[in-house]
C-alpha atoms as a PDB file:
ATOM      1  CA  MET A   1      99.872  96.011 123.320  1.00  0.00           C
ATOM      2  CA  LYS A   2      99.083  99.835 122.724  1.00  0.00           C
ATOM      3  CA  THR A   3      99.507 100.289 119.112  1.00  0.00           C
ATOM      4  CA  ILE A   4      97.889  98.277 116.171  1.00  0.00           C
ATOM      5  CA  GLY A   5      98.768  99.067 112.418  1.00  0.00           C
ATOM      6  CA  ILE A   6      96.337  97.948 109.989  1.00  0.00           C
ATOM      7  CA  ILE A   7      97.624  97.143 106.384  1.00  0.00           C
ATOM      8  CA  GLY A   8      95.042  97.422 103.712  1.00  0.00           C
ATOM      9  CA  PHE A   9      92.363 100.216 104.273  1.00  0.00           C
ATOM     10  CA  GLY A  10      89.637  98.937 101.871  1.00  0.00           C
ATOM     11  CA  ASN A  11      86.029  98.026 102.878  1.00  0.00           C
ATOM     12  CA  PHE A  12      87.241  95.353 105.899  1.00  0.00           C
ATOM     13  CA  GLY A  13      90.154  97.570 106.947  1.00  0.00           C
ATOM     14  CA  ARG A  14      87.818 100.524 107.653  1.00  0.00           C
ATOM     15  CA  PHE A  15      85.405  98.325 109.397  1.00  0.00           C
ATOM     16  CA  ALA A  16      88.187  96.775 111.680  1.00  0.00           C
ATOM     17  CA  ALA A  17      89.684 100.157 112.448  1.00  0.00           C
ATOM     18  CA  SER A  18      86.120 101.505 113.521  1.00  0.00           C
ATOM     19  CA  HIS A  19      85.970  98.825 116.114  1.00  0.00           C
ATOM     20  CA  LEU A  20      89.512  98.737 117.317  1.00  0.00           C
ATOM     21  CA  LYS A  21      90.177 102.473 117.516  1.00  0.00           C
ATOM     22  CA  ALA A  22      88.511 102.504 121.151  1.00  0.00           C
ATOM     23  CA  HIS A  23      90.996 100.098 122.275  1.00  0.00           C
ATOM     24  CA  PHE A  24      94.366 101.001 120.732  1.00  0.00           C
ATOM     25  CA  ASP A  25      96.192 103.725 118.778  1.00  0.00           C
ATOM     26  CA  VAL A  26      95.352 102.725 115.212  1.00  0.00           C
ATOM     27  CA  CYS A  27      97.543 103.600 112.427  1.00  0.00           C
ATOM     28  CA  VAL A  28      96.859 102.218 108.728  1.00  0.00           C
ATOM     29  CA  CYS A  29      98.138 102.240 105.312  1.00  0.00           C
ATOM     30  CA  GLY A  30      96.727 101.089 101.924  1.00  0.00           C
ATOM     31  CA  GLU A  31      97.070 101.337  98.234  1.00  0.00           C
ATOM     32  CA  GLY A  32      96.902 104.851  97.067  1.00  0.00           C
ATOM     33  CA  ASN A  33      96.328 107.966  99.206  1.00  0.00           C
ATOM     34  CA  VAL A  34      94.275 106.632 101.894  1.00  0.00           C
ATOM     35  CA  GLU A  35      94.813 109.826 104.262  1.00  0.00           C
ATOM     36  CA  ALA A  36      91.329 111.271 103.719  1.00  0.00           C
ATOM     37  CA  ASP A  37      89.809 108.037 104.561  1.00  0.00           C
ATOM     38  CA  ALA A  38      91.786 107.492 107.656  1.00  0.00           C
ATOM     39  CA  LYS A  39      90.983 111.001 108.763  1.00  0.00           C
ATOM     40  CA  LYS A  40      87.295 110.254 108.296  1.00  0.00           C
ATOM     41  CA  ALA A  41      87.750 107.045 110.187  1.00  0.00           C
ATOM     42  CA  GLY A  42      89.358 108.856 113.080  1.00  0.00           C
ATOM     43  CA  VAL A  43      92.780 106.984 112.784  1.00  0.00           C
ATOM     44  CA  LYS A  44      96.220 107.915 111.141  1.00  0.00           C
ATOM     45  CA  ALA A  45      97.353 107.186 107.951  1.00  0.00           C
ATOM     46  CA  VAL A  46     101.153 106.409 107.673  1.00  0.00           C
ATOM     47  CA  SER A  47     103.866 104.734 105.894  1.00  0.00           C
ATOM     48  CA  LEU A  48     103.980 100.832 105.604  1.00  0.00           C
ATOM     49  CA  ASP A  49     107.146 100.862 107.630  1.00  0.00           C
ATOM     50  CA  GLU A  50     105.509 102.701 110.528  1.00  0.00           C
ATOM     51  CA  VAL A  51     102.577 100.329 110.419  1.00  0.00           C
ATOM     52  CA  ALA A  52     104.841  97.217 110.510  1.00  0.00           C
ATOM     53  CA  ALA A  53     106.488  98.560 113.756  1.00  0.00           C
ATOM     54  CA  CYS A  54     103.147  98.605 115.635  1.00  0.00           C
ATOM     55  CA  ASP A  55     102.741  96.003 118.576  1.00  0.00           C
ATOM     56  CA  VAL A  56     100.044  94.265 116.618  1.00  0.00           C
ATOM     57  CA  VAL A  57     100.148  94.404 112.677  1.00  0.00           C
ATOM     58  CA  LEU A  58      96.713  93.421 111.080  1.00  0.00           C
ATOM     59  CA  LEU A  59      96.709  92.326 107.648  1.00  0.00           C
ATOM     60  CA  CYS A  60      93.766  93.055 106.000  1.00  0.00           C
ATOM     61  CA  VAL A  61      94.632  92.396 102.385  1.00  0.00           C
ATOM     62  CA  PRO A  62      93.847  89.718  99.762  1.00  0.00           C
ATOM     63  CA  VAL A  63      95.667  86.483 100.122  1.00  0.00           C
ATOM     64  CA  GLN A  64      97.046  86.887  96.628  1.00  0.00           C
ATOM     65  CA  SER A  65      98.985  90.181  97.652  1.00  0.00           C
ATOM     66  CA  LEU A  66     100.037  88.488 101.086  1.00  0.00           C
ATOM     67  CA  GLU A  67     103.446  87.023 100.236  1.00  0.00           C
ATOM     68  CA  SER A  68     104.783  90.539  98.939  1.00  0.00           C
ATOM     69  CA  VAL A  69     103.244  92.285 101.999  1.00  0.00           C
ATOM     70  CA  LEU A  70     104.973  89.956 104.319  1.00  0.00           C
ATOM     71  CA  GLU A  71     108.404  90.490 102.565  1.00  0.00           C
ATOM     72  CA  ASN A  72     108.082  94.207 102.774  1.00  0.00           C
ATOM     73  CA  ILE A  73     107.040  94.211 106.457  1.00  0.00           C
ATOM     74  CA  GLU A  74     109.575  91.713 107.713  1.00  0.00           C
ATOM     75  CA  PRO A  75     112.619  94.028 108.351  1.00  0.00           C
ATOM     76  CA  HIS A  76     110.313  96.401 110.413  1.00  0.00           C
ATOM     77  CA  LEU A  77     108.580  94.023 112.822  1.00  0.00           C
ATOM     78  CA  LYS A  78     109.222  94.384 116.638  1.00  0.00           C
ATOM     79  CA  LYS A  79     110.248  91.499 118.453  1.00  0.00           C
ATOM     80  CA  ASP A  80     107.398  89.964 120.123  1.00  0.00           C
ATOM     81  CA  ALA A  81     104.927  91.848 117.791  1.00  0.00           C
ATOM     82  CA  TRP A  82     101.649  89.876 116.931  1.00  0.00           C
ATOM     83  CA  VAL A  83     100.915  89.516 113.241  1.00  0.00           C
ATOM     84  CA  VAL A  84      97.337  88.496 112.501  1.00  0.00           C
ATOM     85  CA  ASP A  85      95.512  88.047 109.175  1.00  0.00           C
ATOM     86  CA  VAL A  86      92.021  88.160 108.524  1.00  0.00           C
ATOM     87  CA  CYS A  87      91.884  86.266 105.414  1.00  0.00           C
ATOM     88  CA  SER A  88      88.888  84.116 104.185  1.00  0.00           C
ATOM     89  CA  VAL A  89      91.087  81.139 103.883  1.00  0.00           C
ATOM     90  CA  LYS A  90      93.669  80.048 106.405  1.00  0.00           C
ATOM     91  CA  GLN A  91      95.839  77.151 105.358  1.00  0.00           C
ATOM     92  CA  LYS A  92      97.661  79.404 102.677  1.00  0.00           C
ATOM     93  CA  PRO A  93      98.162  82.379 104.843  1.00  0.00           C
ATOM     94  CA  ALA A  94      99.428  80.271 107.710  1.00  0.00           C
ATOM     95  CA  ASP A  95     102.088  78.655 105.626  1.00  0.00           C
ATOM     96  CA  LEU A  96     103.148  81.973 103.967  1.00  0.00           C
ATOM     97  CA  MET A  97     103.370  83.612 107.467  1.00  0.00           C
ATOM     98  CA  GLU A  98     105.311  80.769 108.918  1.00  0.00           C
ATOM     99  CA  LYS A  99     107.753  80.841 106.155  1.00  0.00           C
ATOM    100  CA  SER A 100     108.231  84.570 105.680  1.00  0.00           C
ATOM    101  CA  LEU A 101     108.206  85.990 109.307  1.00  0.00           C
ATOM    102  CA  PRO A 102     110.759  85.994 112.004  1.00  0.00           C
ATOM    103  CA  LYS A 103     110.610  83.313 114.825  1.00  0.00           C
ATOM    104  CA  THR A 104     110.458  86.305 117.321  1.00  0.00           C
ATOM    105  CA  VAL A 105     107.007  87.185 116.483  1.00  0.00           C
ATOM    106  CA  GLN A 106     103.564  85.852 117.291  1.00  0.00           C
ATOM    107  CA  ILE A 107     101.585  84.580 114.225  1.00  0.00           C
ATOM    108  CA  ILE A 108      97.724  84.294 114.773  1.00  0.00           C
ATOM    109  CA  GLY A 109      95.401  83.495 112.143  1.00  0.00           C
ATOM    110  CA  THR A 110      91.691  84.901 112.361  1.00  0.00           C
ATOM    111  CA  HIS A 111      88.831  84.791 110.037  1.00  0.00           C
ATOM    112  CA  PRO A 112      86.022  87.036 111.208  1.00  0.00           C
ATOM    113  CA  LEU A 113      82.597  85.464 110.118  1.00  0.00           C
ATOM    114  CA  PHE A 114      81.010  88.769 109.157  1.00  0.00           C
ATOM    115  CA  GLY A 115      81.808  91.970 107.435  1.00  0.00           C
ATOM    116  CA  PRO A 116      80.727  95.642 107.063  1.00  0.00           C
ATOM    117  CA  GLN A 117      77.272  94.308 105.827  1.00  0.00           C
ATOM    118  CA  SER A 118      76.535  91.742 107.993  1.00  0.00           C
ATOM    119  CA  GLY A 119      78.022  93.713 111.174  1.00  0.00           C
ATOM    120  CA  LYS A 120      76.565  96.901 110.306  1.00  0.00           C
ATOM    121  CA  ASN A 121      74.218  96.950 113.398  1.00  0.00           C
ATOM    122  CA  GLY A 122      76.929  95.821 115.628  1.00  0.00           C
ATOM    123  CA  ILE A 123      79.252  92.773 115.969  1.00  0.00           C
ATOM    124  CA  ALA A 124      78.329  91.703 119.646  1.00  0.00           C
ATOM    125  CA  GLY A 125      77.371  88.047 119.378  1.00  0.00           C
ATOM    126  CA  LEU A 126      79.218  87.432 116.071  1.00  0.00           C
ATOM    127  CA  GLN A 127      81.517  84.598 115.502  1.00  0.00           C
ATOM    128  CA  ILE A 128      85.410  84.785 114.721  1.00  0.00           C
ATOM    129  CA  VAL A 129      87.515  81.865 113.980  1.00  0.00           C
ATOM    130  CA  ILE A 130      91.229  81.979 115.493  1.00  0.00           C
ATOM    131  CA  CYS A 131      93.892  79.697 114.414  1.00  0.00           C
ATOM    132  CA  PRO A 132      97.133  79.363 116.438  1.00  0.00           C
ATOM    133  CA  ILE A 133      99.704  79.318 113.850  1.00  0.00           C
ATOM    134  CA  ARG A 134     102.888  80.213 115.830  1.00  0.00           C
ATOM    135  CA  ALA A 135     101.596  81.764 119.028  1.00  0.00           C
ATOM    136  CA  GLU A 136     102.570  81.086 122.603  1.00  0.00           C
ATOM    137  CA  LYS A 137      99.511  80.128 124.970  1.00  0.00           C
ATOM    138  CA  ALA A 138      99.682  83.435 126.610  1.00  0.00           C
ATOM    139  CA  ALA A 139      99.270  85.170 123.483  1.00  0.00           C
ATOM    140  CA  MET A 140      96.353  83.177 122.551  1.00  0.00           C
ATOM    141  CA  GLN A 141      94.563  83.502 125.690  1.00  0.00           C
ATOM    142  CA  LYS A 142      95.070  87.327 125.594  1.00  0.00           C
ATOM    143  CA  ALA A 143      93.917  87.489 121.962  1.00  0.00           C
ATOM    144  CA  THR A 144      90.731  85.526 122.743  1.00  0.00           C
ATOM    145  CA  LYS A 145      89.879  87.302 125.948  1.00  0.00           C
ATOM    146  CA  PHE A 146      90.164  90.486 124.115  1.00  0.00           C
ATOM    147  CA  LEU A 147      87.949  89.261 121.197  1.00  0.00           C
ATOM    148  CA  SER A 148      85.341  87.926 123.577  1.00  0.00           C
ATOM    149  CA  ASP A 149      85.398  90.467 126.568  1.00  0.00           C
ATOM    150  CA  GLN A 150      86.188  93.633 124.685  1.00  0.00           C
ATOM    151  CA  LEU A 151      84.471  93.108 121.178  1.00  0.00           C
ATOM    152  CA  GLY A 152      81.861  90.830 122.304  1.00  0.00           C
ATOM    153  CA  LEU A 153      82.649  87.986 119.851  1.00  0.00           C
ATOM    154  CA  GLN A 154      81.971  84.298 119.948  1.00  0.00           C
ATOM    155  CA  VAL A 155      85.701  82.925 119.625  1.00  0.00           C
ATOM    156  CA  VAL A 156      85.703  79.397 117.650  1.00  0.00           C
ATOM    157  CA  LYS A 157      89.364  77.891 117.839  1.00  0.00           C
ATOM    158  CA  MET A 158      90.235  75.394 115.150  1.00  0.00           C
ATOM    159  CA  THR A 159      93.274  74.634 112.692  1.00  0.00           C
ATOM    160  CA  PRO A 160      93.828  76.129 109.695  1.00  0.00           C
ATOM    161  CA  ASN A 161      93.000  73.295 107.650  1.00  0.00           C
ATOM    162  CA  GLU A 162      89.828  72.538 109.865  1.00  0.00           C
ATOM    163  CA  HIS A 163      88.836  75.984 108.971  1.00  0.00           C
ATOM    164  CA  ASP A 164      89.102  75.528 105.238  1.00  0.00           C
ATOM    165  CA  GLU A 165      87.332  72.438 105.233  1.00  0.00           C
ATOM    166  CA  TRP A 166      84.261  74.107 106.958  1.00  0.00           C
ATOM    167  CA  MET A 167      84.511  77.242 105.065  1.00  0.00           C
ATOM    168  CA  ALA A 168      84.305  75.162 101.887  1.00  0.00           C
ATOM    169  CA  ARG A 169      81.078  73.617 102.973  1.00  0.00           C
ATOM    170  CA  THR A 170      79.265  76.605 104.193  1.00  0.00           C
ATOM    171  CA  GLN A 171      80.953  79.989 103.083  1.00  0.00           C
ATOM    172  CA  ALA A 172      81.831  78.925  99.618  1.00  0.00           C
ATOM    173  CA  VAL A 173      78.774  77.271  98.587  1.00  0.00           C
ATOM    174  CA  ALA A 174      76.567  80.255 100.108  1.00  0.00           C
ATOM    175  CA  HIS A 175      78.596  82.966  98.321  1.00  0.00           C
ATOM    176  CA  TYR A 176      78.435  80.984  95.063  1.00  0.00           C
ATOM    177  CA  VAL A 177      74.774  81.038  95.219  1.00  0.00           C
ATOM    178  CA  GLY A 178      74.438  84.541  96.418  1.00  0.00           C
ATOM    179  CA  ARG A 179      76.931  85.675  93.375  1.00  0.00           C
ATOM    180  CA  ALA A 180      74.421  83.878  91.175  1.00  0.00           C
ATOM    181  CA  ALA A 181      71.432  85.571  92.567  1.00  0.00           C
ATOM    182  CA  LYS A 182      73.171  89.052  92.199  1.00  0.00           C
ATOM    183  CA  GLU A 183      74.175  88.277  88.514  1.00  0.00           C
ATOM    184  CA  LEU A 184      70.540  86.986  87.850  1.00  0.00           C
ATOM    185  CA  ASP A 185      69.353  90.679  88.930  1.00  0.00           C
ATOM    186  CA  LEU A 186      66.440  89.301  90.792  1.00  0.00           C
ATOM    187  CA  PRO A 187      63.451  91.928  90.719  1.00  0.00           C
ATOM    188  CA  GLN A 188      61.497  92.924  93.579  1.00  0.00           C
ATOM    189  CA  ALA A 189      58.151  91.017  93.621  1.00  0.00           C
ATOM    190  CA  PRO A 190      54.808  92.745  93.924  1.00  0.00           C
ATOM    191  CA  PHE A 191      53.923  89.886  96.626  1.00  0.00           C
ATOM    192  CA  ARG A 192      56.055  88.412  99.568  1.00  0.00           C
ATOM    193  CA  LEU A 193      57.380  84.945  99.782  1.00  0.00           C
ATOM    194  CA  ALA A 194      59.603  83.983 102.750  1.00  0.00           C
ATOM    195  CA  THR A 195      61.624  81.726 100.459  1.00  0.00           C
ATOM    196  CA  TYR A 196      62.187  84.589  97.902  1.00  0.00           C
ATOM    197  CA  ASP A 197      63.102  86.904 100.649  1.00  0.00           C
ATOM    198  CA  ALA A 198      65.763  84.626 101.964  1.00  0.00           C
ATOM    199  CA  LEU A 199      67.229  84.412  98.477  1.00  0.00           C
ATOM    200  CA  LEU A 200      67.398  88.314  98.192  1.00  0.00           C
ATOM    201  CA  ALA A 201      68.784  88.613 101.829  1.00  0.00           C
ATOM    202  CA  LEU A 202      71.649  86.236 100.742  1.00  0.00           C
ATOM    203  CA  ARG A 203      72.093  88.380  97.465  1.00  0.00           C
ATOM    204  CA  ASP A 204      72.330  91.668  99.680  1.00  0.00           C
ATOM    205  CA  LEU A 205      74.879  89.981 102.026  1.00  0.00           C
ATOM    206  CA  VAL A 206      77.440  89.539  99.221  1.00  0.00           C
ATOM    207  CA  LYS A 207      76.444  92.051  96.624  1.00  0.00           C
ATOM    208  CA  ASP A 208      79.197  94.384  97.614  1.00  0.00           C
ATOM    209  CA  ASP A 209      82.048  91.792  98.089  1.00  0.00           C
ATOM    210  CA  SER A 210      84.947  92.436  95.762  1.00  0.00           C
ATOM    211  CA  ASP A 211      85.942  90.105  92.919  1.00  0.00           C
ATOM    212  CA  ALA A 212      89.279  89.681  94.881  1.00  0.00           C
ATOM    213  CA  LEU A 213      87.330  88.574  97.829  1.00  0.00           C
ATOM    214  CA  PHE A 214      85.005  85.983  95.872  1.00  0.00           C
ATOM    215  CA  ASP A 215      88.058  84.720  93.942  1.00  0.00           C
ATOM    216  CA  THR A 216      89.800  84.242  97.443  1.00  0.00           C
ATOM    217  CA  ILE A 217      86.803  82.198  98.942  1.00  0.00           C
ATOM    218  CA  GLN A 218      86.444  80.247  95.779  1.00  0.00           C
ATOM    219  CA  ASN A 219      90.229  79.711  94.335  1.00  0.00           C
ATOM    220  CA  GLU A 220      92.497  79.994  97.241  1.00  0.00           C
ATOM    221  CA  ASN A 221      90.595  77.455  99.425  1.00  0.00           C
ATOM    222  CA  PRO A 222      91.729  73.857  98.410  1.00  0.00           C
ATOM    223  CA  HIS A 223      88.385  72.248  99.307  1.00  0.00           C
ATOM    224  CA  ALA A 224      85.938  74.880  97.607  1.00  0.00           C
ATOM    225  CA  ALA A 225      86.230  73.182  93.991  1.00  0.00           C
ATOM    226  CA  GLY A 226      84.982  70.004  95.487  1.00  0.00           C
ATOM    227  CA  GLU A 227      82.230  71.595  97.119  1.00  0.00           C
ATOM    228  CA  ARG A 228      81.008  73.457  94.244  1.00  0.00           C
ATOM    229  CA  LYS A 229      80.984  70.425  92.225  1.00  0.00           C
ATOM    230  CA  LYS A 230      78.819  68.680  94.681  1.00  0.00           C
ATOM    231  CA  PHE A 231      76.431  71.474  94.681  1.00  0.00           C
ATOM    232  CA  GLU A 232      76.223  71.674  90.898  1.00  0.00           C
ATOM    233  CA  SER A 233      75.946  67.859  90.574  1.00  0.00           C
ATOM    234  CA  LYS A 234      73.090  67.934  92.950  1.00  0.00           C
ATOM    235  CA  LEU A 235      71.368  70.609  91.073  1.00  0.00           C
ATOM    236  CA  ALA A 236      71.781  68.672  87.756  1.00  0.00           C
ATOM    237  CA  GLU A 237      70.283  65.588  89.802  1.00  0.00           C
ATOM    238  CA  ILE A 238      67.250  67.541  90.778  1.00  0.00           C
ATOM    239  CA  GLY A 239      66.689  68.721  87.139  1.00  0.00           C
ATOM    240  CA  LYS A 240      66.865  65.316  85.779  1.00  0.00           C
ATOM    241  CA  ARG A 241      64.303  64.033  88.563  1.00  0.00           C
ATOM    242  CA  LEU A 242      62.005  66.828  87.464  1.00  0.00           C
ATOM    243  CA  GLU A 243      62.227  65.917  83.906  1.00  0.00           C
ATOM    244  CA  SER A 244      61.600  62.277  84.675  1.00  0.00           C
ATOM    245  CA  ARG A 245      58.582  62.935  86.713  1.00  0.00           C
ATOM    246  CA  LYS A 246      57.289  65.435  84.183  1.00  0.00           C
ATOM    247  CA  ALA A 247      57.738  62.749  81.364  1.00  0.00           C
ATOM    248  CA  ALA A 248      55.936  60.173  83.449  1.00  0.00           C
ATOM    249  CA  VAL A 249      52.918  62.540  84.060  1.00  0.00           C
ATOM    250  CA  ASN A 250      52.595  63.465  80.503  1.00  0.00           C
ATOM    251  CA  LYS A 251      52.944  59.791  79.413  1.00  0.00           C
ATOM    252  CA  ALA A 252      50.274  58.925  81.942  1.00  0.00           C
ATOM    253  CA  ARG A 253      47.985  61.608  80.686  1.00  0.00           C
ATOM    254  CA  LYS A 254      48.128  60.192  77.040  1.00  0.00           C
ATOM    255  CA  GLN A 255      47.185  56.770  78.200  1.00  0.00           C
ATOM    256  CA  PRO A 256      43.371  56.151  77.564  1.00  0.00           C
END
């Protein structure tokens, strides 16, 4: 595997290229003219057809755009090429790739559990989920070895549905809270509270995420809505308990 083509050269595509160019000849394509960004990143901007003809094709596009991208690259894929996605949900991309791609290619789902912000100081020791979708054992072993030995990542293997269930309980709820903290426009306080600093840190981790990424995490994961409802229900319960205790205290104060 000598060449890797990245489709989608937004925040994560550029971030991925910066870590992969030491190991592959990297070429990229994306919406609009990405030549200047590619040159700055030290990689080559080419056409979609050329990217699709690489040994490894890395799909850094929103899941909402994935079906049309797969249709466009399918005629240009090499036999035995690897097609790898990095979507924040896994079952839907897995189904689309199995349906759309020829049986001659290896299909591997991944979800790097980090991004440009959380990985700005390096990615060694961070986690990545890997899902065998339609991949031979040798391909999975080779992919796992590269991710762990060359990039220093902790590899977690699971099925697409297992991934989505866990992400709904963790990522979806955390991003939901982080988005609320961002939209509240929380101020810097004149004093330091560890709990408030933690909330600001969560806000800062997600503040640069696009609406497309947020929508993917919340709307494309079939388990996310249920977890959000549990969270909202628990907040409502806490609010009711607070009001009940407040009412009890006020009542006790009024008694002679």
